[in-house]
Amino acid sequence: MIYAIIVGILLLFIFIAVIIVIFYKNKYSFLYIKVKEADNNLDILLQKKEAILLKIVPVLEKAEIKDIPEVIKLKSKKVNHHDLYEELTTMSNEILKIIDDYEDKIDFKVLDPLIDKLNDNENDLRAALKYYSDNGDEINYLAHKFPSNLIKIFSHYQDVETYKIKKRETLEILKH
């Protein structure tokens, strides 16, 4: 009788352990899928931002502004999304500052739709970055919490590098 109780308790502990392993393994898998999805969205949004910036530069060149930062095809340099985001944000801020400084020379009939697209892209990009970072933070949290840290170790899951979302400089680009 006592052996049956001990075996029953052991089987209960094993059953609970299996349920916990399955739960956290599924949670990790689901979070990694969400991060991968966000990463794909970021790739698309960063390409769009790069394309918009490449369309803005000729408008500034036509206005004969000399200190335009060189917007290069960063994708061809094979940089990761974190570096691409940093570079494009820096370029975007520089271009918007130039537009603000030289607004009297620029044709805003052509530039306004591009600025609107850039702003829409920036909003979408911030949402995708937040989604990515929130899920990445949850993965990193689980990686340091018992018992999910054991699942991470045995399943060879990696921590996720999250984004530091930069605030955009506020510039007075007037609608003309």
N, C-alpha and C. Protein backbone atom coordinates (compact mmCIF):
# COMPACT_ATOMS: atom_id res chain seq x y z
N MET A 1 0.82 -1.20 0.00
CA MET A 1 0.00 0.00 0.00
C MET A 1 0.86 1.26 0.00
N ILE A 2 1.89 1.31 0.83
CA ILE A 2 2.75 2.49 0.92
C ILE A 2 3.56 2.66 -0.37
N TYR A 3 3.93 1.50 -0.98
CA TYR A 3 4.66 1.58 -2.24
C TYR A 3 3.78 2.15 -3.34
N ALA A 4 2.53 1.82 -3.35
CA ALA A 4 1.59 2.35 -4.34
C ALA A 4 1.43 3.86 -4.18
N ILE A 5 1.41 4.33 -2.95
CA ILE A 5 1.30 5.78 -2.70
C ILE A 5 2.57 6.48 -3.17
N ILE A 6 3.73 5.91 -2.87
CA ILE A 6 5.01 6.52 -3.29
C ILE A 6 5.11 6.54 -4.80
N VAL A 7 4.76 5.43 -5.45
CA VAL A 7 4.78 5.37 -6.93
C VAL A 7 3.79 6.38 -7.50
N GLY A 8 2.63 6.50 -6.90
CA GLY A 8 1.63 7.47 -7.35
C GLY A 8 2.13 8.90 -7.24
N ILE A 9 2.78 9.21 -6.12
CA ILE A 9 3.34 10.56 -5.92
C ILE A 9 4.45 10.82 -6.93
N LEU A 10 5.32 9.83 -7.16
CA LEU A 10 6.38 9.97 -8.16
C LEU A 10 5.81 10.20 -9.56
N LEU A 11 4.82 9.42 -9.92
CA LEU A 11 4.18 9.60 -11.23
C LEU A 11 3.52 10.98 -11.34
N LEU A 12 2.94 11.47 -10.25
CA LEU A 12 2.33 12.80 -10.25
C LEU A 12 3.40 13.88 -10.46
N PHE A 13 4.55 13.75 -9.76
CA PHE A 13 5.64 14.71 -9.95
C PHE A 13 6.18 14.66 -11.38
N ILE A 14 6.33 13.47 -11.93
CA ILE A 14 6.81 13.33 -13.31
C ILE A 14 5.81 13.95 -14.27
N PHE A 15 4.54 13.70 -14.06
CA PHE A 15 3.49 14.27 -14.90
C PHE A 15 3.51 15.79 -14.84
N ILE A 16 3.64 16.35 -13.65
CA ILE A 16 3.69 17.81 -13.48
C ILE A 16 4.94 18.37 -14.15
N ALA A 17 6.08 17.69 -14.02
CA ALA A 17 7.32 18.14 -14.65
C ALA A 17 7.18 18.13 -16.17
N VAL A 18 6.57 17.10 -16.72
CA VAL A 18 6.37 17.03 -18.17
C VAL A 18 5.46 18.16 -18.64
N ILE A 19 4.41 18.44 -17.89
CA ILE A 19 3.49 19.54 -18.24
C ILE A 19 4.24 20.87 -18.23
N ILE A 20 5.07 21.08 -17.22
CA ILE A 20 5.84 22.33 -17.12
C ILE A 20 6.81 22.46 -18.30
N VAL A 21 7.50 21.38 -18.64
CA VAL A 21 8.43 21.40 -19.77
C VAL A 21 7.69 21.72 -21.06
N ILE A 22 6.59 21.07 -21.29
CA ILE A 22 5.81 21.31 -22.52
C ILE A 22 5.30 22.75 -22.55
N PHE A 23 4.82 23.24 -21.42
CA PHE A 23 4.29 24.61 -21.35
C PHE A 23 5.37 25.62 -21.72
N TYR A 24 6.53 25.54 -21.07
CA TYR A 24 7.59 26.53 -21.33
C TYR A 24 8.23 26.35 -22.70
N LYS A 25 8.33 25.12 -23.17
CA LYS A 25 8.87 24.91 -24.52
C LYS A 25 7.94 25.55 -25.56
N ASN A 26 6.64 25.37 -25.39
CA ASN A 26 5.68 26.00 -26.30
C ASN A 26 5.70 27.51 -26.18
N LYS A 27 5.86 28.01 -24.97
CA LYS A 27 5.92 29.46 -24.76
C LYS A 27 7.14 30.05 -25.48
N TYR A 28 8.31 29.40 -25.30
CA TYR A 28 9.51 29.85 -26.02
C TYR A 28 9.29 29.81 -27.53
N SER A 29 8.76 28.71 -28.02
CA SER A 29 8.55 28.57 -29.47
C SER A 29 7.63 29.66 -30.00
N PHE A 30 6.54 29.91 -29.30
CA PHE A 30 5.59 30.93 -29.71
C PHE A 30 6.24 32.31 -29.71
N LEU A 31 7.02 32.62 -28.69
CA LEU A 31 7.70 33.92 -28.62
C LEU A 31 8.74 34.07 -29.73
N TYR A 32 9.47 32.99 -30.03
CA TYR A 32 10.45 33.06 -31.12
C TYR A 32 9.76 33.25 -32.47
N ILE A 33 8.61 32.66 -32.64
CA ILE A 33 7.84 32.88 -33.88
C ILE A 33 7.42 34.34 -33.98
N LYS A 34 6.96 34.92 -32.87
CA LYS A 34 6.55 36.32 -32.87
C LYS A 34 7.74 37.24 -33.16
N VAL A 35 8.90 36.93 -32.61
CA VAL A 35 10.09 37.75 -32.85
C VAL A 35 10.51 37.64 -34.31
N LYS A 36 10.45 36.44 -34.87
CA LYS A 36 10.82 36.24 -36.29
C LYS A 36 9.86 37.01 -37.19
N GLU A 37 8.57 36.97 -36.87
CA GLU A 37 7.57 37.71 -37.64
C GLU A 37 7.85 39.21 -37.57
N ALA A 38 8.15 39.71 -36.38
CA ALA A 38 8.47 41.13 -36.22
C ALA A 38 9.75 41.48 -36.97
N ASP A 39 10.71 40.58 -36.98
CA ASP A 39 11.96 40.82 -37.69
C ASP A 39 11.72 40.93 -39.19
N ASN A 40 10.84 40.09 -39.72
CA ASN A 40 10.48 40.18 -41.14
C ASN A 40 9.78 41.50 -41.45
N ASN A 41 8.89 41.93 -40.57
CA ASN A 41 8.21 43.22 -40.76
C ASN A 41 9.21 44.37 -40.69
N LEU A 42 10.16 44.28 -39.77
CA LEU A 42 11.19 45.32 -39.67
C LEU A 42 12.01 45.40 -40.94
N ASP A 43 12.33 44.26 -41.52
CA ASP A 43 13.09 44.23 -42.77
C ASP A 43 12.36 45.02 -43.85
N ILE A 44 11.08 44.77 -43.99
CA ILE A 44 10.26 45.45 -45.00
C ILE A 44 10.20 46.95 -44.71
N LEU A 45 9.94 47.31 -43.46
CA LEU A 45 9.81 48.72 -43.09
C LEU A 45 11.12 49.48 -43.23
N LEU A 46 12.23 48.83 -42.91
CA LEU A 46 13.53 49.49 -43.06
C LEU A 46 13.86 49.69 -44.55
N GLN A 47 13.50 48.73 -45.38
CA GLN A 47 13.70 48.90 -46.83
C GLN A 47 12.87 50.06 -47.36
N LYS A 48 11.62 50.17 -46.87
CA LYS A 48 10.76 51.28 -47.30
C LYS A 48 11.33 52.61 -46.85
N LYS A 49 11.83 52.67 -45.63
CA LYS A 49 12.40 53.92 -45.12
C LYS A 49 13.61 54.32 -45.96
N GLU A 50 14.44 53.34 -46.28
CA GLU A 50 15.60 53.61 -47.12
C GLU A 50 15.18 54.14 -48.49
N ALA A 51 14.16 53.53 -49.07
CA ALA A 51 13.67 53.97 -50.38
C ALA A 51 13.11 55.39 -50.32
N ILE A 52 12.39 55.71 -49.26
CA ILE A 52 11.84 57.06 -49.11
C ILE A 52 12.96 58.09 -48.99
N LEU A 53 13.97 57.76 -48.18
CA LEU A 53 15.10 58.69 -48.03
C LEU A 53 15.84 58.88 -49.36
N LEU A 54 15.94 57.81 -50.13
CA LEU A 54 16.59 57.92 -51.44
C LEU A 54 15.77 58.78 -52.41
N LYS A 55 14.45 58.87 -52.20
CA LYS A 55 13.61 59.73 -53.04
C LYS A 55 13.67 61.18 -52.57
N ILE A 56 13.93 61.40 -51.29
CA ILE A 56 14.00 62.77 -50.76
C ILE A 56 15.29 63.47 -51.19
N VAL A 57 16.39 62.73 -51.27
CA VAL A 57 17.69 63.32 -51.59
C VAL A 57 17.67 64.08 -52.92
N PRO A 58 17.12 63.53 -54.02
CA PRO A 58 17.12 64.32 -55.27
C PRO A 58 16.32 65.63 -55.15
N VAL A 59 15.28 65.64 -54.35
CA VAL A 59 14.52 66.88 -54.14
C VAL A 59 15.40 67.92 -53.46
N LEU A 60 16.18 67.48 -52.51
CA LEU A 60 17.10 68.41 -51.83
C LEU A 60 18.23 68.84 -52.76
N GLU A 61 18.72 67.92 -53.58
CA GLU A 61 19.77 68.26 -54.53
C GLU A 61 19.28 69.26 -55.56
N LYS A 62 18.03 69.11 -55.97
CA LYS A 62 17.42 70.04 -56.93
C LYS A 62 17.32 71.45 -56.34
N ALA A 63 17.19 71.54 -55.03
CA ALA A 63 17.13 72.84 -54.34
C ALA A 63 18.54 73.39 -54.09
N GLU A 64 19.55 72.68 -54.61
CA GLU A 64 20.96 73.08 -54.51
C GLU A 64 21.44 73.24 -53.08
N ILE A 65 21.07 72.27 -52.26
CA ILE A 65 21.56 72.23 -50.88
C ILE A 65 22.81 71.36 -50.90
N LYS A 66 23.89 71.87 -50.32
CA LYS A 66 25.18 71.22 -50.47
C LYS A 66 25.50 70.18 -49.38
N ASP A 67 25.03 70.36 -48.17
CA ASP A 67 25.45 69.48 -47.08
C ASP A 67 24.47 68.34 -46.81
N ILE A 68 24.02 67.70 -47.87
CA ILE A 68 23.09 66.57 -47.75
C ILE A 68 23.88 65.33 -47.37
N PRO A 69 23.44 64.60 -46.34
CA PRO A 69 24.16 63.36 -46.01
C PRO A 69 23.96 62.33 -47.12
N GLU A 70 24.98 61.53 -47.32
CA GLU A 70 24.92 60.53 -48.38
C GLU A 70 24.07 59.35 -47.90
N VAL A 71 22.94 59.15 -48.56
CA VAL A 71 22.09 58.00 -48.26
C VAL A 71 22.53 56.91 -49.22
N ILE A 72 23.10 55.89 -48.66
CA ILE A 72 23.61 54.80 -49.50
C ILE A 72 22.75 53.57 -49.30
N LYS A 73 22.87 52.66 -50.20
CA LYS A 73 22.13 51.40 -50.09
C LYS A 73 22.77 50.57 -48.98
N LEU A 74 22.26 50.74 -47.78
CA LEU A 74 22.83 50.04 -46.64
C LEU A 74 22.56 48.55 -46.69
N LYS A 75 21.47 48.16 -47.33
CA LYS A 75 21.13 46.74 -47.41
C LYS A 75 22.23 45.97 -48.13
N SER A 76 22.85 46.63 -49.12
CA SER A 76 23.90 45.96 -49.87
C SER A 76 25.18 45.77 -49.03
N LYS A 77 25.27 46.50 -47.91
CA LYS A 77 26.43 46.36 -47.04
C LYS A 77 26.28 45.17 -46.10
N LYS A 78 25.13 44.51 -46.14
CA LYS A 78 24.85 43.34 -45.31
C LYS A 78 24.96 43.66 -43.81
N VAL A 79 24.38 44.78 -43.41
CA VAL A 79 24.33 45.12 -41.99
C VAL A 79 23.10 44.49 -41.37
N ASN A 80 23.15 44.23 -40.08
CA ASN A 80 21.98 43.64 -39.42
C ASN A 80 20.91 44.72 -39.20
N HIS A 81 19.74 44.29 -38.79
CA HIS A 81 18.63 45.24 -38.64
C HIS A 81 18.90 46.29 -37.58
N HIS A 82 19.63 45.93 -36.55
CA HIS A 82 19.92 46.90 -35.49
C HIS A 82 20.78 48.04 -36.04
N ASP A 83 21.83 47.69 -36.78
CA ASP A 83 22.70 48.71 -37.36
C ASP A 83 21.98 49.50 -38.45
N LEU A 84 21.18 48.81 -39.25
CA LEU A 84 20.42 49.48 -40.31
C LEU A 84 19.44 50.48 -39.70
N TYR A 85 18.78 50.10 -38.63
CA TYR A 85 17.85 51.01 -37.94
C TYR A 85 18.59 52.24 -37.43
N GLU A 86 19.75 52.03 -36.81
CA GLU A 86 20.55 53.15 -36.29
C GLU A 86 20.97 54.10 -37.42
N GLU A 87 21.47 53.52 -38.51
CA GLU A 87 21.94 54.34 -39.64
C GLU A 87 20.80 55.13 -40.27
N LEU A 88 19.70 54.45 -40.53
CA LEU A 88 18.56 55.12 -41.18
C LEU A 88 17.94 56.19 -40.28
N THR A 89 17.92 55.95 -38.99
CA THR A 89 17.39 56.95 -38.06
C THR A 89 18.29 58.18 -38.05
N THR A 90 19.59 57.97 -38.03
CA THR A 90 20.54 59.09 -38.06
C THR A 90 20.39 59.87 -39.36
N MET A 91 20.33 59.16 -40.49
CA MET A 91 20.17 59.83 -41.78
C MET A 91 18.86 60.59 -41.86
N SER A 92 17.81 59.96 -41.38
CA SER A 92 16.49 60.59 -41.40
C SER A 92 16.50 61.88 -40.59
N ASN A 93 17.09 61.84 -39.41
CA ASN A 93 17.16 63.04 -38.58
C ASN A 93 17.99 64.13 -39.23
N GLU A 94 19.10 63.76 -39.87
CA GLU A 94 19.93 64.75 -40.56
C GLU A 94 19.17 65.39 -41.73
N ILE A 95 18.47 64.56 -42.49
CA ILE A 95 17.72 65.09 -43.64
C ILE A 95 16.58 65.99 -43.17
N LEU A 96 15.88 65.60 -42.12
CA LEU A 96 14.80 66.44 -41.61
C LEU A 96 15.33 67.76 -41.06
N LYS A 97 16.52 67.74 -40.47
CA LYS A 97 17.12 68.98 -39.99
C LYS A 97 17.49 69.88 -41.16
N ILE A 98 18.02 69.29 -42.21
CA ILE A 98 18.35 70.07 -43.41
C ILE A 98 17.08 70.69 -44.01
N ILE A 99 16.03 69.91 -44.08
CA ILE A 99 14.75 70.42 -44.61
C ILE A 99 14.27 71.59 -43.76
N ASP A 100 14.40 71.47 -42.45
CA ASP A 100 13.99 72.53 -41.54
C ASP A 100 14.86 73.78 -41.73
N ASP A 101 16.17 73.58 -41.93
CA ASP A 101 17.09 74.71 -42.09
C ASP A 101 16.93 75.42 -43.43
N TYR A 102 16.60 74.69 -44.49
CA TYR A 102 16.54 75.26 -45.83
C TYR A 102 15.12 75.26 -46.40
N GLU A 103 14.14 75.42 -45.57
CA GLU A 103 12.76 75.32 -46.04
C GLU A 103 12.39 76.37 -47.09
N ASP A 104 13.09 77.49 -47.13
CA ASP A 104 12.78 78.52 -48.12
C ASP A 104 13.25 78.15 -49.52
N LYS A 105 14.18 77.20 -49.66
CA LYS A 105 14.72 76.79 -50.97
C LYS A 105 14.02 75.58 -51.56
N ILE A 106 13.23 74.86 -50.77
CA ILE A 106 12.73 73.54 -51.14
C ILE A 106 11.33 73.61 -51.74
N ASP A 107 11.09 72.76 -52.74
CA ASP A 107 9.76 72.63 -53.36
C ASP A 107 8.95 71.63 -52.52
N PHE A 108 8.05 72.16 -51.72
CA PHE A 108 7.29 71.31 -50.81
C PHE A 108 6.13 70.58 -51.50
N LYS A 109 5.80 70.95 -52.72
CA LYS A 109 4.77 70.20 -53.44
C LYS A 109 5.23 68.77 -53.68
N VAL A 110 6.50 68.62 -53.94
CA VAL A 110 7.07 67.30 -54.17
C VAL A 110 7.46 66.65 -52.84
N LEU A 111 7.94 67.45 -51.91
CA LEU A 111 8.49 66.92 -50.67
C LEU A 111 7.44 66.51 -49.65
N ASP A 112 6.32 67.23 -49.58
CA ASP A 112 5.29 66.93 -48.57
C ASP A 112 4.79 65.49 -48.62
N PRO A 113 4.47 64.94 -49.79
CA PRO A 113 4.03 63.53 -49.80
C PRO A 113 5.12 62.57 -49.31
N LEU A 114 6.37 62.89 -49.62
CA LEU A 114 7.47 62.04 -49.17
C LEU A 114 7.65 62.13 -47.65
N ILE A 115 7.50 63.32 -47.11
CA ILE A 115 7.60 63.50 -45.66
C ILE A 115 6.45 62.76 -44.97
N ASP A 116 5.26 62.83 -45.57
CA ASP A 116 4.11 62.09 -45.01
C ASP A 116 4.38 60.58 -45.01
N LYS A 117 4.94 60.08 -46.12
CA LYS A 117 5.28 58.65 -46.19
C LYS A 117 6.34 58.30 -45.15
N LEU A 118 7.31 59.19 -44.98
CA LEU A 118 8.36 58.96 -44.00
C LEU A 118 7.79 58.93 -42.58
N ASN A 119 6.86 59.83 -42.29
CA ASN A 119 6.23 59.85 -40.97
C ASN A 119 5.38 58.60 -40.73
N ASP A 120 4.63 58.19 -41.75
CA ASP A 120 3.83 56.96 -41.63
C ASP A 120 4.74 55.75 -41.41
N ASN A 121 5.82 55.71 -42.17
CA ASN A 121 6.78 54.61 -42.02
C ASN A 121 7.39 54.62 -40.63
N GLU A 122 7.68 55.80 -40.12
CA GLU A 122 8.27 55.91 -38.79
C GLU A 122 7.31 55.39 -37.72
N ASN A 123 6.03 55.70 -37.86
CA ASN A 123 5.03 55.19 -36.92
C ASN A 123 4.92 53.67 -36.98
N ASP A 124 4.88 53.13 -38.20
CA ASP A 124 4.82 51.68 -38.37
C ASP A 124 6.08 51.01 -37.83
N LEU A 125 7.22 51.65 -38.07
CA LEU A 125 8.49 51.12 -37.61
C LEU A 125 8.55 51.09 -36.08
N ARG A 126 8.08 52.14 -35.45
CA ARG A 126 8.05 52.17 -33.98
C ARG A 126 7.17 51.06 -33.42
N ALA A 127 6.02 50.84 -34.05
CA ALA A 127 5.12 49.77 -33.59
C ALA A 127 5.78 48.40 -33.74
N ALA A 128 6.44 48.17 -34.88
CA ALA A 128 7.11 46.89 -35.10
C ALA A 128 8.28 46.71 -34.14
N LEU A 129 9.01 47.79 -33.88
CA LEU A 129 10.12 47.72 -32.93
C LEU A 129 9.63 47.41 -31.51
N LYS A 130 8.53 48.03 -31.14
CA LYS A 130 7.96 47.78 -29.81
C LYS A 130 7.50 46.33 -29.70
N TYR A 131 6.83 45.82 -30.73
CA TYR A 131 6.36 44.43 -30.74
C TYR A 131 7.56 43.48 -30.62
N TYR A 132 8.59 43.73 -31.41
CA TYR A 132 9.79 42.90 -31.38
C TYR A 132 10.44 42.95 -30.00
N SER A 133 10.63 44.16 -29.49
CA SER A 133 11.32 44.32 -28.21
C SER A 133 10.52 43.75 -27.05
N ASP A 134 9.20 43.91 -27.07
CA ASP A 134 8.37 43.36 -25.99
C ASP A 134 8.49 41.83 -25.95
N ASN A 135 8.41 41.20 -27.10
CA ASN A 135 8.54 39.74 -27.15
C ASN A 135 9.97 39.29 -26.83
N GLY A 136 10.94 40.05 -27.30
CA GLY A 136 12.34 39.74 -26.97
C GLY A 136 12.61 39.89 -25.49
N ASP A 137 12.03 40.92 -24.87
CA ASP A 137 12.19 41.10 -23.42
C ASP A 137 11.56 39.94 -22.65
N GLU A 138 10.43 39.45 -23.14
CA GLU A 138 9.78 38.32 -22.47
C GLU A 138 10.64 37.06 -22.59
N ILE A 139 11.25 36.84 -23.75
CA ILE A 139 12.17 35.71 -23.92
C ILE A 139 13.34 35.85 -22.95
N ASN A 140 13.91 37.05 -22.88
CA ASN A 140 15.05 37.27 -22.00
C ASN A 140 14.66 37.12 -20.53
N TYR A 141 13.44 37.52 -20.19
CA TYR A 141 12.95 37.35 -18.81
C TYR A 141 12.81 35.87 -18.47
N LEU A 142 12.21 35.12 -19.39
CA LEU A 142 12.05 33.68 -19.15
C LEU A 142 13.40 32.97 -19.04
N ALA A 143 14.39 33.49 -19.74
CA ALA A 143 15.71 32.87 -19.75
C ALA A 143 16.40 32.96 -18.39
N HIS A 144 15.92 33.84 -17.54
CA HIS A 144 16.57 34.03 -16.24
C HIS A 144 15.64 33.71 -15.08
N LYS A 145 14.55 33.02 -15.37
CA LYS A 145 13.57 32.68 -14.34
C LYS A 145 13.45 31.16 -14.25
N PHE A 146 13.39 30.66 -13.04
CA PHE A 146 13.23 29.21 -12.84
C PHE A 146 11.76 28.86 -13.02
N PRO A 147 11.38 27.81 -13.63
CA PRO A 147 12.10 26.70 -14.24
C PRO A 147 12.35 26.90 -15.74
N SER A 148 11.90 28.02 -16.29
CA SER A 148 12.03 28.20 -17.73
C SER A 148 13.49 28.34 -18.15
N ASN A 149 14.38 28.77 -17.24
CA ASN A 149 15.79 28.86 -17.60
C ASN A 149 16.39 27.47 -17.87
N LEU A 150 15.85 26.45 -17.22
CA LEU A 150 16.31 25.09 -17.48
C LEU A 150 15.90 24.63 -18.87
N ILE A 151 14.70 25.00 -19.27
CA ILE A 151 14.22 24.66 -20.62
C ILE A 151 15.11 25.35 -21.65
N LYS A 152 15.47 26.61 -21.39
CA LYS A 152 16.35 27.36 -22.30
C LYS A 152 17.69 26.64 -22.45
N ILE A 153 18.25 26.22 -21.34
CA ILE A 153 19.56 25.56 -21.37
C ILE A 153 19.50 24.26 -22.16
N PHE A 154 18.51 23.43 -21.88
CA PHE A 154 18.43 22.13 -22.55
C PHE A 154 17.97 22.23 -23.99
N SER A 155 17.25 23.28 -24.34
CA SER A 155 16.76 23.44 -25.71
C SER A 155 17.66 24.33 -26.55
N HIS A 156 18.71 24.87 -25.95
CA HIS A 156 19.69 25.72 -26.64
C HIS A 156 19.06 26.99 -27.22
N TYR A 157 18.09 27.55 -26.51
CA TYR A 157 17.52 28.83 -26.93
C TYR A 157 18.51 29.95 -26.61
N GLN A 158 18.44 31.01 -27.40
CA GLN A 158 19.34 32.14 -27.23
C GLN A 158 18.56 33.36 -26.73
N ASP A 159 19.26 34.26 -26.04
CA ASP A 159 18.65 35.54 -25.69
C ASP A 159 18.46 36.35 -26.97
N VAL A 160 17.53 37.28 -26.91
CA VAL A 160 17.23 38.11 -28.07
C VAL A 160 17.72 39.53 -27.80
N GLU A 161 18.46 40.08 -28.76
CA GLU A 161 18.91 41.46 -28.63
C GLU A 161 17.74 42.38 -29.00
N THR A 162 17.34 43.21 -28.06
CA THR A 162 16.20 44.09 -28.30
C THR A 162 16.69 45.46 -28.77
N TYR A 163 15.76 46.24 -29.28
CA TYR A 163 16.06 47.57 -29.80
C TYR A 163 15.91 48.62 -28.71
N LYS A 164 16.73 49.64 -28.82
CA LYS A 164 16.52 50.84 -28.02
C LYS A 164 15.87 51.83 -28.97
N ILE A 165 14.59 52.05 -28.79
CA ILE A 165 13.83 52.89 -29.71
C ILE A 165 14.21 54.35 -29.46
N LYS A 166 14.75 54.97 -30.50
CA LYS A 166 15.19 56.35 -30.38
C LYS A 166 14.01 57.29 -30.60
N LYS A 167 14.01 58.35 -29.83
CA LYS A 167 13.00 59.36 -30.04
C LYS A 167 13.44 60.23 -31.21
N ARG A 168 12.48 60.57 -32.01
CA ARG A 168 12.75 61.39 -33.18
C ARG A 168 12.87 62.84 -32.75
N GLU A 169 13.83 63.53 -33.34
CA GLU A 169 13.98 64.94 -33.03
C GLU A 169 12.75 65.68 -33.53
N THR A 170 12.28 66.61 -32.73
CA THR A 170 11.13 67.39 -33.15
C THR A 170 11.63 68.60 -33.93
N LEU A 171 11.23 68.67 -35.16
CA LEU A 171 11.64 69.76 -36.04
C LEU A 171 10.39 70.44 -36.59
N GLU A 172 10.54 71.67 -36.89
CA GLU A 172 9.40 72.43 -37.41
C GLU A 172 9.40 72.38 -38.92
N ILE A 173 8.85 71.34 -39.47
CA ILE A 173 8.70 71.28 -40.92
C ILE A 173 7.28 71.70 -41.20
N LEU A 174 7.16 72.88 -41.72
CA LEU A 174 5.86 73.46 -41.95
C LEU A 174 5.23 72.91 -43.22
N LYS A 175 3.94 72.71 -43.19
CA LYS A 175 3.21 72.31 -44.39
C LYS A 175 3.05 73.54 -45.27
N HIS A 176 3.36 73.39 -46.52
CA HIS A 176 3.25 74.54 -47.45
C HIS A 176 2.16 74.31 -48.44
